[in-house]
Amino acid sequence: MDCFYEGENMLVIHPDECIDCGVCEPECPVEAIVDDTVDGIQDWLELNAKYAEIWPNITEIGEVPADAEEWKDVPDKKQHFSEKPGGS
């Protein structure tokens, strides 16, 4: 699954590279990966497409962030989004 790209505080999936195999969905610790046909997903699709073009590609599973559990149920996470690339 070479369609993941890393930002400072988020991963994105390149919509043109994803083959919709579904392997990543159960691996996502916060169940953030959803089908691209879900209502209201357009903003997220555009964000994923944009940042997948400029952030570094990741091809190996990394460590789950130490604060992942704290962020799991935080509403409106988009307000905390960072445009900075990740450190891979």
PDB file of N, CA and C in Angstrom:
ATOM      1  N   MET A   1       0.852  -1.179   0.000  1.00  0.00           N
ATOM      2  CA  MET A   1       0.000   0.000   0.000  1.00  0.00           C
ATOM      3  C   MET A   1       0.893   1.237   0.000  1.00  0.00           C
ATOM      4  N   ASP A   2       1.265   1.674  -1.145  1.00  0.00           N
ATOM      5  CA  ASP A   2       2.147   2.830  -1.277  1.00  0.00           C
ATOM      6  C   ASP A   2       1.376   4.125  -1.452  1.00  0.00           C
ATOM      7  N   CYS A   3       0.127   4.166  -1.044  1.00  0.00           N
ATOM      8  CA  CYS A   3      -0.705   5.345  -1.283  1.00  0.00           C
ATOM      9  C   CYS A   3      -0.819   6.248  -0.064  1.00  0.00           C
ATOM     10  N   PHE A   4      -0.002   5.994   0.990  1.00  0.00           N
ATOM     11  CA  PHE A   4      -0.061   6.799   2.199  1.00  0.00           C
ATOM     12  C   PHE A   4       1.046   7.845   2.215  1.00  0.00           C
ATOM     13  N   TYR A   5       0.698   9.023   2.693  1.00  0.00           N
ATOM     14  CA  TYR A   5       1.625  10.144   2.775  1.00  0.00           C
ATOM     15  C   TYR A   5       1.513  10.746   4.163  1.00  0.00           C
ATOM     16  N   GLU A   6       2.676  11.195   4.679  1.00  0.00           N
ATOM     17  CA  GLU A   6       2.748  11.594   6.077  1.00  0.00           C
ATOM     18  C   GLU A   6       2.879  13.103   6.282  1.00  0.00           C
ATOM     19  N   GLY A   7       1.955  13.630   7.069  1.00  0.00           N
ATOM     20  CA  GLY A   7       2.034  15.001   7.513  1.00  0.00           C
ATOM     21  C   GLY A   7       2.473  15.046   8.961  1.00  0.00           C
ATOM     22  N   GLU A   8       2.630  16.236   9.484  1.00  0.00           N
ATOM     23  CA  GLU A   8       3.084  16.411  10.864  1.00  0.00           C
ATOM     24  C   GLU A   8       2.159  15.700  11.857  1.00  0.00           C
ATOM     25  N   ASN A   9       0.835  15.799  11.629  1.00  0.00           N
ATOM     26  CA  ASN A   9      -0.096  15.201  12.592  1.00  0.00           C
ATOM     27  C   ASN A   9      -1.227  14.414  11.927  1.00  0.00           C
ATOM     28  N   MET A  10      -0.976  13.945  10.698  1.00  0.00           N
ATOM     29  CA  MET A  10      -2.019  13.217   9.986  1.00  0.00           C
ATOM     30  C   MET A  10      -1.409  12.449   8.813  1.00  0.00           C
ATOM     31  N   LEU A  11      -2.016  11.347   8.470  1.00  0.00           N
ATOM     32  CA  LEU A  11      -1.677  10.642   7.235  1.00  0.00           C
ATOM     33  C   LEU A  11      -2.782  10.909   6.230  1.00  0.00           C
ATOM     34  N   VAL A  12      -2.424  10.960   4.961  1.00  0.00           N
ATOM     35  CA  VAL A  12      -3.435  11.076   3.910  1.00  0.00           C
ATOM     36  C   VAL A  12      -3.241   9.925   2.933  1.00  0.00           C
ATOM     37  N   ILE A  13      -4.298   9.629   2.209  1.00  0.00           N
ATOM     38  CA  ILE A  13      -4.276   8.578   1.205  1.00  0.00           C
ATOM     39  C   ILE A  13      -4.472   9.237  -0.158  1.00  0.00           C
ATOM     40  N   HIS A  14      -3.555   8.937  -1.073  1.00  0.00           N
ATOM     41  CA  HIS A  14      -3.684   9.493  -2.430  1.00  0.00           C
ATOM     42  C   HIS A  14      -4.859   8.798  -3.112  1.00  0.00           C
ATOM     43  N   PRO A  15      -5.919   9.538  -3.420  1.00  0.00           N
ATOM     44  CA  PRO A  15      -7.118   8.900  -3.979  1.00  0.00           C
ATOM     45  C   PRO A  15      -6.902   8.225  -5.329  1.00  0.00           C
ATOM     46  N   ASP A  16      -5.921   8.677  -6.105  1.00  0.00           N
ATOM     47  CA  ASP A  16      -5.663   8.064  -7.406  1.00  0.00           C
ATOM     48  C   ASP A  16      -4.768   6.833  -7.303  1.00  0.00           C
ATOM     49  N   GLU A  17      -4.098   6.655  -6.167  1.00  0.00           N
ATOM     50  CA  GLU A  17      -3.217   5.510  -5.979  1.00  0.00           C
ATOM     51  C   GLU A  17      -3.882   4.395  -5.169  1.00  0.00           C
ATOM     52  N   CYS A  18      -4.885   4.739  -4.398  1.00  0.00           N
ATOM     53  CA  CYS A  18      -5.597   3.753  -3.582  1.00  0.00           C
ATOM     54  C   CYS A  18      -6.365   2.809  -4.506  1.00  0.00           C
ATOM     55  N   ILE A  19      -6.247   1.510  -4.238  1.00  0.00           N
ATOM     56  CA  ILE A  19      -6.939   0.525  -5.074  1.00  0.00           C
ATOM     57  C   ILE A  19      -8.193  -0.015  -4.386  1.00  0.00           C
ATOM     58  N   ASP A  20      -8.620   0.620  -3.312  1.00  0.00           N
ATOM     59  CA  ASP A  20      -9.837   0.239  -2.586  1.00  0.00           C
ATOM     60  C   ASP A  20      -9.834  -1.223  -2.143  1.00  0.00           C
ATOM     61  N   CYS A  21      -8.674  -1.707  -1.711  1.00  0.00           N
ATOM     62  CA  CYS A  21      -8.586  -3.106  -1.275  1.00  0.00           C
ATOM     63  C   CYS A  21      -9.145  -3.303   0.133  1.00  0.00           C
ATOM     64  N   GLY A  22      -9.178  -2.231   0.934  1.00  0.00           N
ATOM     65  CA  GLY A  22      -9.742  -2.310   2.272  1.00  0.00           C
ATOM     66  C   GLY A  22      -8.806  -2.830   3.340  1.00  0.00           C
ATOM     67  N   VAL A  23      -7.580  -3.181   2.989  1.00  0.00           N
ATOM     68  CA  VAL A  23      -6.634  -3.736   3.961  1.00  0.00           C
ATOM     69  C   VAL A  23      -6.308  -2.733   5.071  1.00  0.00           C
ATOM     70  N   CYS A  24      -6.262  -1.469   4.759  1.00  0.00           N
ATOM     71  CA  CYS A  24      -5.868  -0.461   5.740  1.00  0.00           C
ATOM     72  C   CYS A  24      -6.963  -0.143   6.762  1.00  0.00           C
ATOM     73  N   GLU A  25      -8.217  -0.339   6.391  1.00  0.00           N
ATOM     74  CA  GLU A  25      -9.319   0.058   7.274  1.00  0.00           C
ATOM     75  C   GLU A  25      -9.257  -0.569   8.658  1.00  0.00           C
ATOM     76  N   PRO A  26      -9.091  -1.887   8.786  1.00  0.00           N
ATOM     77  CA  PRO A  26      -9.031  -2.453  10.136  1.00  0.00           C
ATOM     78  C   PRO A  26      -7.739  -2.113  10.886  1.00  0.00           C
ATOM     79  N   GLU A  27      -6.708  -1.670  10.165  1.00  0.00           N
ATOM     80  CA  GLU A  27      -5.442  -1.321  10.792  1.00  0.00           C
ATOM     81  C   GLU A  27      -5.434   0.094  11.369  1.00  0.00           C
ATOM     82  N   CYS A  28      -6.357   0.924  10.945  1.00  0.00           N
ATOM     83  CA  CYS A  28      -6.404   2.310  11.406  1.00  0.00           C
ATOM     84  C   CYS A  28      -6.863   2.336  12.862  1.00  0.00           C
ATOM     85  N   PRO A  29      -6.013   2.841  13.781  1.00  0.00           N
ATOM     86  CA  PRO A  29      -6.357   2.792  15.201  1.00  0.00           C
ATOM     87  C   PRO A  29      -7.549   3.669  15.598  1.00  0.00           C
ATOM     88  N   VAL A  30      -7.902   4.631  14.785  1.00  0.00           N
ATOM     89  CA  VAL A  30      -9.026   5.511  15.147  1.00  0.00           C
ATOM     90  C   VAL A  30     -10.187   5.412  14.160  1.00  0.00           C
ATOM     91  N   GLU A  31     -10.153   4.400  13.319  1.00  0.00           N
ATOM     92  CA  GLU A  31     -11.219   4.176  12.345  1.00  0.00           C
ATOM     93  C   GLU A  31     -11.511   5.418  11.502  1.00  0.00           C
ATOM     94  N   ALA A  32     -10.451   6.077  11.063  1.00  0.00           N
ATOM     95  CA  ALA A  32     -10.588   7.309  10.286  1.00  0.00           C
ATOM     96  C   ALA A  32     -10.690   7.060   8.786  1.00  0.00           C
ATOM     97  N   ILE A  33     -10.449   5.840   8.348  1.00  0.00           N
ATOM     98  CA  ILE A  33     -10.500   5.536   6.922  1.00  0.00           C
ATOM     99  C   ILE A  33     -11.917   5.108   6.572  1.00  0.00           C
ATOM    100  N   VAL A  34     -12.536   5.882   5.702  1.00  0.00           N
ATOM    101  CA  VAL A  34     -13.914   5.597   5.311  1.00  0.00           C
ATOM    102  C   VAL A  34     -14.023   5.557   3.794  1.00  0.00           C
ATOM    103  N   ASP A  35     -15.054   4.939   3.311  1.00  0.00           N
ATOM    104  CA  ASP A  35     -15.304   4.825   1.879  1.00  0.00           C
ATOM    105  C   ASP A  35     -15.475   6.221   1.276  1.00  0.00           C
ATOM    106  N   ASP A  36     -14.966   6.413   0.082  1.00  0.00           N
ATOM    107  CA  ASP A  36     -15.039   7.734  -0.553  1.00  0.00           C
ATOM    108  C   ASP A  36     -16.421   8.072  -1.105  1.00  0.00           C
ATOM    109  N   THR A  37     -17.406   7.220  -0.874  1.00  0.00           N
ATOM    110  CA  THR A  37     -18.767   7.526  -1.301  1.00  0.00           C
ATOM    111  C   THR A  37     -19.654   8.007  -0.147  1.00  0.00           C
ATOM    112  N   VAL A  38     -19.084   8.110   1.053  1.00  0.00           N
ATOM    113  CA  VAL A  38     -19.832   8.560   2.225  1.00  0.00           C
ATOM    114  C   VAL A  38     -20.214  10.031   2.057  1.00  0.00           C
ATOM    115  N   ASP A  39     -21.438  10.384   2.414  1.00  0.00           N
ATOM    116  CA  ASP A  39     -21.878  11.782   2.334  1.00  0.00           C
ATOM    117  C   ASP A  39     -20.975  12.673   3.180  1.00  0.00           C
ATOM    118  N   GLY A  40     -20.662  13.847   2.651  1.00  0.00           N
ATOM    119  CA  GLY A  40     -19.873  14.830   3.381  1.00  0.00           C
ATOM    120  C   GLY A  40     -18.374  14.594   3.354  1.00  0.00           C
ATOM    121  N   ILE A  41     -17.917  13.666   2.537  1.00  0.00           N
ATOM    122  CA  ILE A  41     -16.503  13.306   2.515  1.00  0.00           C
ATOM    123  C   ILE A  41     -15.687  14.154   1.525  1.00  0.00           C
ATOM    124  N   GLN A  42     -16.341  14.950   0.696  1.00  0.00           N
ATOM    125  CA  GLN A  42     -15.658  15.677  -0.379  1.00  0.00           C
ATOM    126  C   GLN A  42     -14.506  16.559   0.122  1.00  0.00           C
ATOM    127  N   ASP A  43     -14.703  17.281   1.220  1.00  0.00           N
ATOM    128  CA  ASP A  43     -13.624  18.129   1.750  1.00  0.00           C
ATOM    129  C   ASP A  43     -12.396  17.299   2.105  1.00  0.00           C
ATOM    130  N   TRP A  44     -12.632  16.133   2.712  1.00  0.00           N
ATOM    131  CA  TRP A  44     -11.521  15.259   3.092  1.00  0.00           C
ATOM    132  C   TRP A  44     -10.837  14.677   1.860  1.00  0.00           C
ATOM    133  N   LEU A  45     -11.595  14.348   0.829  1.00  0.00           N
ATOM    134  CA  LEU A  45     -10.995  13.829  -0.403  1.00  0.00           C
ATOM    135  C   LEU A  45     -10.077  14.874  -1.037  1.00  0.00           C
ATOM    136  N   GLU A  46     -10.528  16.106  -1.059  1.00  0.00           N
ATOM    137  CA  GLU A  46      -9.719  17.184  -1.629  1.00  0.00           C
ATOM    138  C   GLU A  46      -8.455  17.412  -0.808  1.00  0.00           C
ATOM    139  N   LEU A  47      -8.573  17.372   0.520  1.00  0.00           N
ATOM    140  CA  LEU A  47      -7.416  17.538   1.388  1.00  0.00           C
ATOM    141  C   LEU A  47      -6.423  16.400   1.151  1.00  0.00           C
ATOM    142  N   ASN A  48      -6.919  15.165   1.077  1.00  0.00           N
ATOM    143  CA  ASN A  48      -6.051  14.010   0.827  1.00  0.00           C
ATOM    144  C   ASN A  48      -5.335  14.146  -0.509  1.00  0.00           C
ATOM    145  N   ALA A  49      -6.058  14.503  -1.546  1.00  0.00           N
ATOM    146  CA  ALA A  49      -5.459  14.640  -2.877  1.00  0.00           C
ATOM    147  C   ALA A  49      -4.379  15.716  -2.891  1.00  0.00           C
ATOM    148  N   LYS A  50      -4.646  16.840  -2.272  1.00  0.00           N
ATOM    149  CA  LYS A  50      -3.693  17.950  -2.258  1.00  0.00           C
ATOM    150  C   LYS A  50      -2.399  17.580  -1.534  1.00  0.00           C
ATOM    151  N   TYR A  51      -2.514  17.051  -0.325  1.00  0.00           N
ATOM    152  CA  TYR A  51      -1.314  16.807   0.479  1.00  0.00           C
ATOM    153  C   TYR A  51      -0.577  15.538   0.091  1.00  0.00           C
ATOM    154  N   ALA A  52      -1.248  14.606  -0.563  1.00  0.00           N
ATOM    155  CA  ALA A  52      -0.558  13.419  -1.072  1.00  0.00           C
ATOM    156  C   ALA A  52       0.434  13.802  -2.165  1.00  0.00           C
ATOM    157  N   GLU A  53       0.201  14.930  -2.798  1.00  0.00           N
ATOM    158  CA  GLU A  53       1.109  15.404  -3.849  1.00  0.00           C
ATOM    159  C   GLU A  53       2.362  16.067  -3.288  1.00  0.00           C
ATOM    160  N   ILE A  54       2.336  16.518  -2.029  1.00  0.00           N
ATOM    161  CA  ILE A  54       3.473  17.286  -1.515  1.00  0.00           C
ATOM    162  C   ILE A  54       4.130  16.689  -0.266  1.00  0.00           C
ATOM    163  N   TRP A  55       3.451  15.803   0.429  1.00  0.00           N
ATOM    164  CA  TRP A  55       4.039  15.179   1.618  1.00  0.00           C
ATOM    165  C   TRP A  55       4.826  13.938   1.231  1.00  0.00           C
ATOM    166  N   PRO A  56       5.735  13.496   2.113  1.00  0.00           N
ATOM    167  CA  PRO A  56       6.524  12.297   1.810  1.00  0.00           C
ATOM    168  C   PRO A  56       5.683  11.021   1.856  1.00  0.00           C
ATOM    169  N   ASN A  57       5.971  10.133   0.933  1.00  0.00           N
ATOM    170  CA  ASN A  57       5.307   8.831   0.856  1.00  0.00           C
ATOM    171  C   ASN A  57       5.849   7.920   1.956  1.00  0.00           C
ATOM    172  N   ILE A  58       4.965   7.160   2.573  1.00  0.00           N
ATOM    173  CA  ILE A  58       5.412   6.166   3.550  1.00  0.00           C
ATOM    174  C   ILE A  58       4.999   4.785   3.056  1.00  0.00           C
ATOM    175  N   THR A  59       5.889   3.826   3.227  1.00  0.00           N
ATOM    176  CA  THR A  59       5.626   2.477   2.726  1.00  0.00           C
ATOM    177  C   THR A  59       5.727   1.423   3.822  1.00  0.00           C
ATOM    178  N   GLU A  60       6.064   1.849   5.036  1.00  0.00           N
ATOM    179  CA  GLU A  60       6.161   0.923   6.150  1.00  0.00           C
ATOM    180  C   GLU A  60       5.301   1.418   7.292  1.00  0.00           C
ATOM    181  N   ILE A  61       4.756   0.485   8.051  1.00  0.00           N
ATOM    182  CA  ILE A  61       3.956   0.857   9.212  1.00  0.00           C
ATOM    183  C   ILE A  61       4.873   1.451  10.268  1.00  0.00           C
ATOM    184  N   GLY A  62       4.516   2.619  10.741  1.00  0.00           N
ATOM    185  CA  GLY A  62       5.298   3.284  11.774  1.00  0.00           C
ATOM    186  C   GLY A  62       4.678   3.061  13.142  1.00  0.00           C
ATOM    187  N   GLU A  63       5.221   3.751  14.099  1.00  0.00           N
ATOM    188  CA  GLU A  63       4.709   3.680  15.459  1.00  0.00           C
ATOM    189  C   GLU A  63       3.407   4.470  15.564  1.00  0.00           C
ATOM    190  N   VAL A  64       2.477   3.945  16.328  1.00  0.00           N
ATOM    191  CA  VAL A  64       1.253   4.696  16.617  1.00  0.00           C
ATOM    192  C   VAL A  64       1.656   5.866  17.504  1.00  0.00           C
ATOM    193  N   PRO A  65       1.220   7.090  17.200  1.00  0.00           N
ATOM    194  CA  PRO A  65       1.592   8.231  18.037  1.00  0.00           C
ATOM    195  C   PRO A  65       1.200   7.990  19.504  1.00  0.00           C
ATOM    196  N   ALA A  66       2.051   8.446  20.396  1.00  0.00           N
ATOM    197  CA  ALA A  66       1.834   8.240  21.828  1.00  0.00           C
ATOM    198  C   ALA A  66       0.506   8.825  22.303  1.00  0.00           C
ATOM    199  N   ASP A  67       0.052   9.887  21.658  1.00  0.00           N
ATOM    200  CA  ASP A  67      -1.188  10.539  22.094  1.00  0.00           C
ATOM    201  C   ASP A  67      -2.404  10.135  21.248  1.00  0.00           C
ATOM    202  N   ALA A  68      -2.287   9.073  20.482  1.00  0.00           N
ATOM    203  CA  ALA A  68      -3.375   8.646  19.583  1.00  0.00           C
ATOM    204  C   ALA A  68      -4.676   8.385  20.338  1.00  0.00           C
ATOM    205  N   GLU A  69      -4.590   7.743  21.472  1.00  0.00           N
ATOM    206  CA  GLU A  69      -5.795   7.418  22.230  1.00  0.00           C
ATOM    207  C   GLU A  69      -6.497   8.690  22.719  1.00  0.00           C
ATOM    208  N   GLU A  70      -5.717   9.707  23.090  1.00  0.00           N
ATOM    209  CA  GLU A  70      -6.296  10.980  23.541  1.00  0.00           C
ATOM    210  C   GLU A  70      -7.067  11.670  22.419  1.00  0.00           C
ATOM    211  N   TRP A  71      -6.602  11.514  21.187  1.00  0.00           N
ATOM    212  CA  TRP A  71      -7.207  12.182  20.041  1.00  0.00           C
ATOM    213  C   TRP A  71      -8.348  11.390  19.418  1.00  0.00           C
ATOM    214  N   LYS A  72      -8.489  10.143  19.780  1.00  0.00           N
ATOM    215  CA  LYS A  72      -9.435   9.244  19.127  1.00  0.00           C
ATOM    216  C   LYS A  72     -10.847   9.819  19.015  1.00  0.00           C
ATOM    217  N   ASP A  73     -11.382  10.379  20.079  1.00  0.00           N
ATOM    218  CA  ASP A  73     -12.767  10.847  20.083  1.00  0.00           C
ATOM    219  C   ASP A  73     -12.905  12.373  20.075  1.00  0.00           C
ATOM    220  N   VAL A  74     -11.841  13.073  19.756  1.00  0.00           N
ATOM    221  CA  VAL A  74     -11.907  14.533  19.694  1.00  0.00           C
ATOM    222  C   VAL A  74     -12.718  14.935  18.461  1.00  0.00           C
ATOM    223  N   PRO A  75     -13.762  15.738  18.655  1.00  0.00           N
ATOM    224  CA  PRO A  75     -14.559  16.172  17.501  1.00  0.00           C
ATOM    225  C   PRO A  75     -13.842  17.256  16.690  1.00  0.00           C
ATOM    226  N   ASP A  76     -14.211  17.390  15.446  1.00  0.00           N
ATOM    227  CA  ASP A  76     -13.720  18.461  14.564  1.00  0.00           C
ATOM    228  C   ASP A  76     -12.193  18.550  14.535  1.00  0.00           C
ATOM    229  N   LYS A  77     -11.555  17.426  14.277  1.00  0.00           N
ATOM    230  CA  LYS A  77     -10.090  17.387  14.255  1.00  0.00           C
ATOM    231  C   LYS A  77      -9.491  18.264  13.161  1.00  0.00           C
ATOM    232  N   LYS A  78     -10.279  18.575  12.169  1.00  0.00           N
ATOM    233  CA  LYS A  78      -9.763  19.356  11.049  1.00  0.00           C
ATOM    234  C   LYS A  78      -9.197  20.713  11.497  1.00  0.00           C
ATOM    235  N   GLN A  79      -9.740  21.258  12.565  1.00  0.00           N
ATOM    236  CA  GLN A  79      -9.242  22.549  13.052  1.00  0.00           C
ATOM    237  C   GLN A  79      -7.809  22.455  13.583  1.00  0.00           C
ATOM    238  N   HIS A  80      -7.319  21.247  13.854  1.00  0.00           N
ATOM    239  CA  HIS A  80      -5.968  21.033  14.364  1.00  0.00           C
ATOM    240  C   HIS A  80      -4.999  20.587  13.268  1.00  0.00           C
ATOM    241  N   PHE A  81      -5.486  20.496  12.047  1.00  0.00           N
ATOM    242  CA  PHE A  81      -4.694  20.026  10.920  1.00  0.00           C
ATOM    243  C   PHE A  81      -3.476  20.907  10.678  1.00  0.00           C
ATOM    244  N   SER A  82      -2.334  20.268  10.469  1.00  0.00           N
ATOM    245  CA  SER A  82      -1.100  20.978  10.137  1.00  0.00           C
ATOM    246  C   SER A  82      -0.734  20.682   8.689  1.00  0.00           C
ATOM    247  N   GLU A  83      -0.351  21.707   7.953  1.00  0.00           N
ATOM    248  CA  GLU A  83       0.055  21.546   6.559  1.00  0.00           C
ATOM    249  C   GLU A  83       1.509  21.067   6.437  1.00  0.00           C
ATOM    250  N   LYS A  84       2.229  21.019   7.554  1.00  0.00           N
ATOM    251  CA  LYS A  84       3.637  20.638   7.529  1.00  0.00           C
ATOM    252  C   LYS A  84       3.791  19.155   7.192  1.00  0.00           C
ATOM    253  N   PRO A  85       4.821  18.824   6.422  1.00  0.00           N
ATOM    254  CA  PRO A  85       5.061  17.403   6.118  1.00  0.00           C
ATOM    255  C   PRO A  85       5.555  16.657   7.354  1.00  0.00           C
ATOM    256  N   GLY A  86       5.431  15.342   7.295  1.00  0.00           N
ATOM    257  CA  GLY A  86       5.907  14.499   8.377  1.00  0.00           C
ATOM    258  C   GLY A  86       7.407  14.306   8.288  1.00  0.00           C
ATOM    259  N   GLY A  87       7.916  13.585   9.250  1.00  0.00           N
ATOM    260  CA  GLY A  87       9.363  13.452   9.338  1.00  0.00           C
ATOM    261  C   GLY A  87       9.954  12.162   8.853  1.00  0.00           C
ATOM    262  N   SER A  88       9.260  11.413   7.975  1.00  0.00           N
ATOM    263  CA  SER A  88       9.869  10.153   7.549  1.00  0.00           C
ATOM    264  C   SER A  88      11.092  10.366   6.713  1.00  0.00           C
TER     265      SER A  88
END
